[in-house]
């Protein structure tokens, strides 16, 4: 249930902003990956980063290992937290999967839905998808495997204490991602996508081009030097690009 912990950081969004932004992290991580975004985003956007159960300040909570219950819980948490302001989603990797399907679900039901979804480091076609078997590999094999994939920041691998905290949540998230099934669905709201030029998880060179068929208002793809975690070194560029598009949509809706 959404009441079982603090899903969003900060807990209270800025009351002075005109639009809210929910940011979803990659597998195994939490709100910390967006630690610089609050100072990089303009003051009229109120960011709240998501932390799933089983990591960081929610370490004592049980992780989700199945797709549908996790999406249900996240959906409830967002609905419980919304106010009258418009809102958007941004997700990286597993966070992009969740943001995309959450937007689809909200559009299919009565009530609010996002005005923009930002997709980073993932596409429903042409991207690596883990298997259930891979999520259950012994720790040494799992660590070597994700290291080769480049699916976690490099500094994590040299820190045993950090690894001990990361691996359980990462396993759970890999099991969730392994259950993702692409049914060709799209969103009614605008989409914009981002990626690293040398992302090892991108298995087909045209993977990100498939977003164009998932929204009647696709705002294009931006690519940056780097691998799967290009977003760490290009946070300023990504936040500037995304916030400009979000501000335009808010302004258009107000007219």
C-alpha atoms as a PDB file:
ATOM      1  CA  UNK A   1       0.000   0.000   0.000  1.00  0.00           C
ATOM      2  CA  UNK A   2       1.165   3.524  -0.670  1.00  0.00           C
ATOM      3  CA  UNK A   3       0.957   4.365   3.045  1.00  0.00           C
ATOM      4  CA  UNK A   4       3.734   1.859   3.883  1.00  0.00           C
ATOM      5  CA  UNK A   5       6.573   4.304   3.364  1.00  0.00           C
ATOM      6  CA  UNK A   6       7.730   7.504   1.765  1.00  0.00           C
ATOM      7  CA  UNK A   7       7.548   6.988  -1.970  1.00  0.00           C
ATOM      8  CA  UNK A   8       8.619  10.522  -2.857  1.00  0.00           C
ATOM      9  CA  UNK A   9      11.550  12.756  -2.018  1.00  0.00           C
ATOM     10  CA  UNK A  10      11.005  15.503  -1.070  1.00  0.00           C
ATOM     11  CA  UNK A  11       7.840  14.432   0.710  1.00  0.00           C
ATOM     12  CA  UNK A  12       6.158  17.786   0.080  1.00  0.00           C
ATOM     13  CA  UNK A  13       6.464  19.335  -3.387  1.00  0.00           C
ATOM     14  CA  UNK A  14       7.147  23.045  -3.665  1.00  0.00           C
ATOM     15  CA  UNK A  15       3.833  24.914  -3.285  1.00  0.00           C
ATOM     16  CA  UNK A  16       5.091  27.708  -5.552  1.00  0.00           C
ATOM     17  CA  UNK A  17       5.631  25.584  -8.671  1.00  0.00           C
ATOM     18  CA  UNK A  18       3.027  25.419 -11.417  1.00  0.00           C
ATOM     19  CA  UNK A  19       3.728  21.817 -12.460  1.00  0.00           C
ATOM     20  CA  UNK A  20       4.936  18.673 -10.701  1.00  0.00           C
ATOM     21  CA  UNK A  21       7.473  16.120 -11.927  1.00  0.00           C
ATOM     22  CA  UNK A  22       7.670  12.532 -10.662  1.00  0.00           C
ATOM     23  CA  UNK A  23      11.075  10.971 -11.414  1.00  0.00           C
ATOM     24  CA  UNK A  24      11.573   7.196 -11.416  1.00  0.00           C
ATOM     25  CA  UNK A  25      15.045   5.611 -11.020  1.00  0.00           C
ATOM     26  CA  UNK A  26      16.838   2.676 -12.632  1.00  0.00           C
ATOM     27  CA  UNK A  27      16.837  -0.879 -11.256  1.00  0.00           C
ATOM     28  CA  UNK A  28      18.340  -1.242  -7.796  1.00  0.00           C
ATOM     29  CA  UNK A  29      18.403   2.451  -7.004  1.00  0.00           C
ATOM     30  CA  UNK A  30      16.159   5.142  -5.579  1.00  0.00           C
ATOM     31  CA  UNK A  31      15.670   8.894  -5.350  1.00  0.00           C
ATOM     32  CA  UNK A  32      19.405   9.444  -4.953  1.00  0.00           C
ATOM     33  CA  UNK A  33      20.041   9.237  -8.711  1.00  0.00           C
ATOM     34  CA  UNK A  34      18.108  12.495  -9.125  1.00  0.00           C
ATOM     35  CA  UNK A  35      19.906  14.267  -6.271  1.00  0.00           C
ATOM     36  CA  UNK A  36      21.027  17.161  -8.514  1.00  0.00           C
ATOM     37  CA  UNK A  37      17.762  17.702 -10.344  1.00  0.00           C
ATOM     38  CA  UNK A  38      16.049  19.943  -7.820  1.00  0.00           C
ATOM     39  CA  UNK A  39      18.725  22.625  -8.213  1.00  0.00           C
ATOM     40  CA  UNK A  40      18.941  22.125 -12.001  1.00  0.00           C
ATOM     41  CA  UNK A  41      15.222  22.396 -12.734  1.00  0.00           C
ATOM     42  CA  UNK A  42      13.522  25.824 -12.908  1.00  0.00           C
ATOM     43  CA  UNK A  43      11.563  26.965  -9.872  1.00  0.00           C
ATOM     44  CA  UNK A  44       8.191  26.521 -11.565  1.00  0.00           C
ATOM     45  CA  UNK A  45       8.722  22.726 -11.711  1.00  0.00           C
ATOM     46  CA  UNK A  46       8.375  20.804  -8.425  1.00  0.00           C
ATOM     47  CA  UNK A  47      10.379  17.558  -8.655  1.00  0.00           C
ATOM     48  CA  UNK A  48       9.764  14.488  -6.511  1.00  0.00           C
ATOM     49  CA  UNK A  49      11.981  11.439  -6.983  1.00  0.00           C
ATOM     50  CA  UNK A  50      10.584   7.975  -6.348  1.00  0.00           C
ATOM     51  CA  UNK A  51      12.151   5.398  -4.026  1.00  0.00           C
ATOM     52  CA  UNK A  52      10.652   1.922  -4.242  1.00  0.00           C
ATOM     53  CA  UNK A  53      10.460  -0.295  -1.136  1.00  0.00           C
ATOM     54  CA  UNK A  54      13.583  -2.210  -0.125  1.00  0.00           C
ATOM     55  CA  UNK A  55      16.254   0.442  -0.633  1.00  0.00           C
ATOM     56  CA  UNK A  56      17.678   3.634   0.878  1.00  0.00           C
ATOM     57  CA  UNK A  57      15.273   5.084   3.464  1.00  0.00           C
ATOM     58  CA  UNK A  58      12.832   2.222   2.715  1.00  0.00           C
ATOM     59  CA  UNK A  59      15.393  -0.567   3.228  1.00  0.00           C
ATOM     60  CA  UNK A  60      13.342  -2.304   5.924  1.00  0.00           C
ATOM     61  CA  UNK A  61      10.320  -2.689   3.649  1.00  0.00           C
ATOM     62  CA  UNK A  62       9.757  -5.759   1.508  1.00  0.00           C
ATOM     63  CA  UNK A  63      10.713  -5.360  -2.140  1.00  0.00           C
ATOM     64  CA  UNK A  64       8.285  -5.971  -4.966  1.00  0.00           C
ATOM     65  CA  UNK A  65       9.261  -8.850  -7.234  1.00  0.00           C
ATOM     66  CA  UNK A  66       6.226  -8.871  -9.519  1.00  0.00           C
ATOM     67  CA  UNK A  67       5.276  -6.309 -12.127  1.00  0.00           C
ATOM     68  CA  UNK A  68       1.535  -5.904 -11.526  1.00  0.00           C
ATOM     69  CA  UNK A  69       1.641  -5.415  -7.728  1.00  0.00           C
ATOM     70  CA  UNK A  70       4.443  -2.880  -8.088  1.00  0.00           C
ATOM     71  CA  UNK A  71       2.584  -0.899 -10.753  1.00  0.00           C
ATOM     72  CA  UNK A  72      -0.582  -1.049  -8.624  1.00  0.00           C
ATOM     73  CA  UNK A  73       1.238   0.294  -5.575  1.00  0.00           C
ATOM     74  CA  UNK A  74       3.007   3.031  -7.523  1.00  0.00           C
ATOM     75  CA  UNK A  75      -0.261   4.046  -9.165  1.00  0.00           C
ATOM     76  CA  UNK A  76      -1.942   4.330  -5.772  1.00  0.00           C
ATOM     77  CA  UNK A  77       0.965   6.298  -4.335  1.00  0.00           C
ATOM     78  CA  UNK A  78       0.880   8.845  -7.165  1.00  0.00           C
ATOM     79  CA  UNK A  79      -2.897   9.250  -7.002  1.00  0.00           C
ATOM     80  CA  UNK A  80      -2.737   9.765  -3.236  1.00  0.00           C
ATOM     81  CA  UNK A  81      -0.099  12.468  -3.649  1.00  0.00           C
ATOM     82  CA  UNK A  82      -1.558  14.503  -6.518  1.00  0.00           C
ATOM     83  CA  UNK A  83      -3.101  17.932  -6.132  1.00  0.00           C
ATOM     84  CA  UNK A  84      -4.819  20.161  -8.668  1.00  0.00           C
ATOM     85  CA  UNK A  85      -1.618  20.949 -10.555  1.00  0.00           C
ATOM     86  CA  UNK A  86      -0.598  19.289 -13.843  1.00  0.00           C
ATOM     87  CA  UNK A  87       2.165  16.709 -13.583  1.00  0.00           C
ATOM     88  CA  UNK A  88       4.695  14.810 -15.677  1.00  0.00           C
ATOM     89  CA  UNK A  89       6.800  11.645 -15.403  1.00  0.00           C
ATOM     90  CA  UNK A  90      10.474  11.048 -16.147  1.00  0.00           C
ATOM     91  CA  UNK A  91      12.059   7.621 -15.868  1.00  0.00           C
ATOM     92  CA  UNK A  92      15.424   6.010 -16.515  1.00  0.00           C
ATOM     93  CA  UNK A  93      15.754   2.299 -17.425  1.00  0.00           C
ATOM     94  CA  UNK A  94      13.272   0.378 -15.216  1.00  0.00           C
ATOM     95  CA  UNK A  95      11.971   3.793 -14.209  1.00  0.00           C
ATOM     96  CA  UNK A  96      11.137   4.476 -17.856  1.00  0.00           C
ATOM     97  CA  UNK A  97       9.222   1.191 -18.089  1.00  0.00           C
ATOM     98  CA  UNK A  98       7.212   2.074 -15.001  1.00  0.00           C
ATOM     99  CA  UNK A  99       6.593   5.689 -16.070  1.00  0.00           C
ATOM    100  CA  UNK A 100       5.383   4.572 -19.506  1.00  0.00           C
ATOM    101  CA  UNK A 101       2.974   1.929 -18.198  1.00  0.00           C
ATOM    102  CA  UNK A 102       1.784   4.183 -15.393  1.00  0.00           C
ATOM    103  CA  UNK A 103       0.877   6.852 -17.947  1.00  0.00           C
ATOM    104  CA  UNK A 104      -0.997   4.287 -20.061  1.00  0.00           C
ATOM    105  CA  UNK A 105      -2.915   3.070 -17.023  1.00  0.00           C
ATOM    106  CA  UNK A 106      -3.865   6.556 -15.854  1.00  0.00           C
ATOM    107  CA  UNK A 107      -5.109   7.504 -19.312  1.00  0.00           C
ATOM    108  CA  UNK A 108      -7.306   4.399 -19.399  1.00  0.00           C
ATOM    109  CA  UNK A 109      -9.086   5.335 -16.166  1.00  0.00           C
ATOM    110  CA  UNK A 110     -11.171   8.317 -15.096  1.00  0.00           C
ATOM    111  CA  UNK A 111      -9.112  10.978 -13.409  1.00  0.00           C
ATOM    112  CA  UNK A 112      -5.824  12.786 -13.950  1.00  0.00           C
ATOM    113  CA  UNK A 113      -3.053  11.740 -16.323  1.00  0.00           C
ATOM    114  CA  UNK A 114       0.404  13.174 -17.090  1.00  0.00           C
ATOM    115  CA  UNK A 115       0.936  15.950 -19.616  1.00  0.00           C
ATOM    116  CA  UNK A 116       4.415  14.683 -20.615  1.00  0.00           C
ATOM    117  CA  UNK A 117       6.481  11.530 -20.138  1.00  0.00           C
ATOM    118  CA  UNK A 118      10.268  11.510 -20.477  1.00  0.00           C
ATOM    119  CA  UNK A 119      11.836   8.146 -21.391  1.00  0.00           C
ATOM    120  CA  UNK A 120      15.546   7.606 -20.729  1.00  0.00           C
ATOM    121  CA  UNK A 121      17.771   4.582 -21.302  1.00  0.00           C
ATOM    122  CA  UNK A 122      15.013   2.241 -22.446  1.00  0.00           C
ATOM    123  CA  UNK A 123      12.668   1.528 -25.328  1.00  0.00           C
ATOM    124  CA  UNK A 124       9.952  -1.153 -25.626  1.00  0.00           C
ATOM    125  CA  UNK A 125      11.725  -2.473 -28.723  1.00  0.00           C
ATOM    126  CA  UNK A 126      15.415  -3.165 -29.248  1.00  0.00           C
ATOM    127  CA  UNK A 127      16.565  -2.959 -25.621  1.00  0.00           C
ATOM    128  CA  UNK A 128      17.976  -5.660 -23.368  1.00  0.00           C
ATOM    129  CA  UNK A 129      15.476  -7.393 -21.082  1.00  0.00           C
ATOM    130  CA  UNK A 130      16.683  -9.541 -18.167  1.00  0.00           C
ATOM    131  CA  UNK A 131      15.321 -13.012 -17.495  1.00  0.00           C
ATOM    132  CA  UNK A 132      14.057 -14.546 -14.264  1.00  0.00           C
ATOM    133  CA  UNK A 133      17.013 -16.949 -14.308  1.00  0.00           C
ATOM    134  CA  UNK A 134      19.516 -14.102 -14.567  1.00  0.00           C
ATOM    135  CA  UNK A 135      17.985 -12.372 -11.545  1.00  0.00           C
ATOM    136  CA  UNK A 136      18.772 -15.451  -9.410  1.00  0.00           C
ATOM    137  CA  UNK A 137      22.455 -15.858 -10.262  1.00  0.00           C
ATOM    138  CA  UNK A 138      24.881 -16.154  -7.309  1.00  0.00           C
ATOM    139  CA  UNK A 139      26.178 -12.783  -6.110  1.00  0.00           C
ATOM    140  CA  UNK A 140      29.662 -12.998  -7.728  1.00  0.00           C
ATOM    141  CA  UNK A 141      28.165 -13.976 -11.101  1.00  0.00           C
ATOM    142  CA  UNK A 142      25.432 -11.346 -10.860  1.00  0.00           C
ATOM    143  CA  UNK A 143      27.942  -8.620 -10.046  1.00  0.00           C
ATOM    144  CA  UNK A 144      30.234  -9.587 -12.932  1.00  0.00           C
ATOM    145  CA  UNK A 145      27.275  -9.808 -15.277  1.00  0.00           C
ATOM    146  CA  UNK A 146      25.874  -6.367 -14.468  1.00  0.00           C
ATOM    147  CA  UNK A 147      29.396  -4.943 -14.546  1.00  0.00           C
ATOM    148  CA  UNK A 148      29.849  -6.150 -18.135  1.00  0.00           C
ATOM    149  CA  UNK A 149      26.449  -4.810 -19.081  1.00  0.00           C
ATOM    150  CA  UNK A 150      27.298  -1.433 -17.617  1.00  0.00           C
ATOM    151  CA  UNK A 151      23.929  -1.522 -15.909  1.00  0.00           C
ATOM    152  CA  UNK A 152      25.102   0.173 -12.688  1.00  0.00           C
ATOM    153  CA  UNK A 153      27.405   3.124 -11.930  1.00  0.00           C
ATOM    154  CA  UNK A 154      31.074   2.037 -11.881  1.00  0.00           C
ATOM    155  CA  UNK A 155      31.809   3.270  -8.344  1.00  0.00           C
ATOM    156  CA  UNK A 156      29.355   0.754  -6.872  1.00  0.00           C
ATOM    157  CA  UNK A 157      31.437  -2.285  -7.850  1.00  0.00           C
ATOM    158  CA  UNK A 158      34.457  -1.281  -5.743  1.00  0.00           C
ATOM    159  CA  UNK A 159      32.458  -0.741  -2.565  1.00  0.00           C
ATOM    160  CA  UNK A 160      31.490  -4.021  -0.799  1.00  0.00           C
ATOM    161  CA  UNK A 161      29.171  -2.261   1.646  1.00  0.00           C
ATOM    162  CA  UNK A 162      27.353  -0.501  -1.138  1.00  0.00           C
ATOM    163  CA  UNK A 163      27.088  -3.739  -3.116  1.00  0.00           C
ATOM    164  CA  UNK A 164      25.559  -5.504  -0.122  1.00  0.00           C
ATOM    165  CA  UNK A 165      22.861  -2.832  -0.023  1.00  0.00           C
ATOM    166  CA  UNK A 166      22.300  -2.695  -3.765  1.00  0.00           C
ATOM    167  CA  UNK A 167      22.180  -6.359  -4.790  1.00  0.00           C
ATOM    168  CA  UNK A 168      18.910  -7.413  -3.038  1.00  0.00           C
ATOM    169  CA  UNK A 169      16.993  -4.478  -4.498  1.00  0.00           C
ATOM    170  CA  UNK A 170      18.619  -5.018  -7.877  1.00  0.00           C
ATOM    171  CA  UNK A 171      17.577  -8.685  -7.906  1.00  0.00           C
ATOM    172  CA  UNK A 172      13.984  -7.735  -7.134  1.00  0.00           C
ATOM    173  CA  UNK A 173      13.929  -5.096  -9.864  1.00  0.00           C
ATOM    174  CA  UNK A 174      15.419  -7.495 -12.414  1.00  0.00           C
ATOM    175  CA  UNK A 175      12.618  -9.948 -11.662  1.00  0.00           C
ATOM    176  CA  UNK A 176      10.099  -7.167 -12.174  1.00  0.00           C
ATOM    177  CA  UNK A 177      11.699  -6.111 -15.473  1.00  0.00           C
ATOM    178  CA  UNK A 178      11.822  -9.733 -16.660  1.00  0.00           C
ATOM    179  CA  UNK A 179       8.008  -9.799 -16.539  1.00  0.00           C
ATOM    180  CA  UNK A 180       7.551  -6.794 -18.807  1.00  0.00           C
ATOM    181  CA  UNK A 181       5.580  -7.652 -21.947  1.00  0.00           C
ATOM    182  CA  UNK A 182       5.324  -5.176 -24.788  1.00  0.00           C
ATOM    183  CA  UNK A 183       1.819  -5.140 -26.215  1.00  0.00           C
ATOM    184  CA  UNK A 184       2.406  -2.258 -28.619  1.00  0.00           C
ATOM    185  CA  UNK A 185       0.456   0.183 -26.453  1.00  0.00           C
ATOM    186  CA  UNK A 186       1.103   3.900 -26.514  1.00  0.00           C
ATOM    187  CA  UNK A 187       0.137   7.047 -24.649  1.00  0.00           C
ATOM    188  CA  UNK A 188      -2.130   9.901 -25.628  1.00  0.00           C
ATOM    189  CA  UNK A 189       0.202  12.437 -24.008  1.00  0.00           C
ATOM    190  CA  UNK A 190       3.459  13.696 -25.533  1.00  0.00           C
ATOM    191  CA  UNK A 191       6.610  11.605 -25.157  1.00  0.00           C
ATOM    192  CA  UNK A 192      10.239  12.671 -25.354  1.00  0.00           C
ATOM    193  CA  UNK A 193      13.204  10.276 -25.196  1.00  0.00           C
ATOM    194  CA  UNK A 194      16.871  10.398 -24.167  1.00  0.00           C
ATOM    195  CA  UNK A 195      19.814   8.011 -24.353  1.00  0.00           C
ATOM    196  CA  UNK A 196      23.548   7.431 -24.340  1.00  0.00           C
ATOM    197  CA  UNK A 197      25.331   6.939 -27.667  1.00  0.00           C
ATOM    198  CA  UNK A 198      27.196   3.862 -26.423  1.00  0.00           C
ATOM    199  CA  UNK A 199      24.577   2.331 -24.118  1.00  0.00           C
ATOM    200  CA  UNK A 200      25.433  -1.402 -23.958  1.00  0.00           C
ATOM    201  CA  UNK A 201      21.825  -2.242 -23.078  1.00  0.00           C
ATOM    202  CA  UNK A 202      20.614  -0.903 -26.432  1.00  0.00           C
ATOM    203  CA  UNK A 203      20.672  -4.002 -28.631  1.00  0.00           C
ATOM    204  CA  UNK A 204      19.422  -2.434 -31.857  1.00  0.00           C
ATOM    205  CA  UNK A 205      20.636   0.892 -33.276  1.00  0.00           C
ATOM    206  CA  UNK A 206      17.080   1.951 -34.144  1.00  0.00           C
ATOM    207  CA  UNK A 207      15.651   1.117 -30.703  1.00  0.00           C
ATOM    208  CA  UNK A 208      14.821   4.660 -29.646  1.00  0.00           C
ATOM    209  CA  UNK A 209      13.149   5.438 -32.967  1.00  0.00           C
ATOM    210  CA  UNK A 210      10.243   3.188 -31.937  1.00  0.00           C
ATOM    211  CA  UNK A 211       8.993   5.823 -29.508  1.00  0.00           C
ATOM    212  CA  UNK A 212       7.683   7.749 -32.506  1.00  0.00           C
ATOM    213  CA  UNK A 213       4.888   5.194 -32.878  1.00  0.00           C
ATOM    214  CA  UNK A 214       3.905   5.251 -29.204  1.00  0.00           C
ATOM    215  CA  UNK A 215       2.437   8.753 -29.029  1.00  0.00           C
ATOM    216  CA  UNK A 216       0.550  11.021 -31.452  1.00  0.00           C
ATOM    217  CA  UNK A 217       2.787  13.814 -30.167  1.00  0.00           C
ATOM    218  CA  UNK A 218       6.329  12.454 -30.003  1.00  0.00           C
ATOM    219  CA  UNK A 219       8.762  15.294 -29.262  1.00  0.00           C
ATOM    220  CA  UNK A 220      11.898  13.537 -30.483  1.00  0.00           C
ATOM    221  CA  UNK A 221      15.023  11.854 -29.191  1.00  0.00           C
ATOM    222  CA  UNK A 222      18.157  13.431 -27.716  1.00  0.00           C
ATOM    223  CA  UNK A 223      21.381  11.437 -27.572  1.00  0.00           C
ATOM    224  CA  UNK A 224      24.445  12.202 -25.473  1.00  0.00           C
ATOM    225  CA  UNK A 225      28.001  10.835 -25.244  1.00  0.00           C
ATOM    226  CA  UNK A 226      28.288   7.959 -22.794  1.00  0.00           C
ATOM    227  CA  UNK A 227      26.809   4.612 -21.878  1.00  0.00           C
ATOM    228  CA  UNK A 228      23.775   3.599 -19.885  1.00  0.00           C
ATOM    229  CA  UNK A 229      24.572   6.167 -17.191  1.00  0.00           C
ATOM    230  CA  UNK A 230      25.126   9.080 -19.562  1.00  0.00           C
ATOM    231  CA  UNK A 231      22.431  10.779 -17.485  1.00  0.00           C
ATOM    232  CA  UNK A 232      24.849  11.267 -14.569  1.00  0.00           C
ATOM    233  CA  UNK A 233      27.242  13.458 -16.542  1.00  0.00           C
ATOM    234  CA  UNK A 234      24.606  15.140 -18.704  1.00  0.00           C
ATOM    235  CA  UNK A 235      22.001  15.931 -16.055  1.00  0.00           C
ATOM    236  CA  UNK A 236      22.109  19.659 -16.786  1.00  0.00           C
ATOM    237  CA  UNK A 237      21.521  19.190 -20.518  1.00  0.00           C
ATOM    238  CA  UNK A 238      18.709  16.677 -19.979  1.00  0.00           C
ATOM    239  CA  UNK A 239      16.925  18.765 -17.340  1.00  0.00           C
ATOM    240  CA  UNK A 240      17.172  21.881 -19.507  1.00  0.00           C
ATOM    241  CA  UNK A 241      15.776  20.122 -22.571  1.00  0.00           C
ATOM    242  CA  UNK A 242      13.006  18.329 -20.682  1.00  0.00           C
ATOM    243  CA  UNK A 243      11.939  21.355 -18.615  1.00  0.00           C
ATOM    244  CA  UNK A 244      11.647  23.551 -21.714  1.00  0.00           C
ATOM    245  CA  UNK A 245       9.242  21.085 -23.316  1.00  0.00           C
ATOM    246  CA  UNK A 246       7.279  20.692 -20.105  1.00  0.00           C
ATOM    247  CA  UNK A 247       6.968  24.473 -19.653  1.00  0.00           C
ATOM    248  CA  UNK A 248       5.680  24.856 -23.205  1.00  0.00           C
ATOM    249  CA  UNK A 249       2.982  22.255 -22.593  1.00  0.00           C
ATOM    250  CA  UNK A 250       1.921  23.916 -19.331  1.00  0.00           C
ATOM    251  CA  UNK A 251       1.753  27.308 -21.049  1.00  0.00           C
ATOM    252  CA  UNK A 252      -0.274  25.887 -23.944  1.00  0.00           C
ATOM    253  CA  UNK A 253      -2.726  24.220 -21.568  1.00  0.00           C
ATOM    254  CA  UNK A 254      -3.219  27.502 -19.682  1.00  0.00           C
ATOM    255  CA  UNK A 255      -4.181  29.414 -22.787  1.00  0.00           C
END
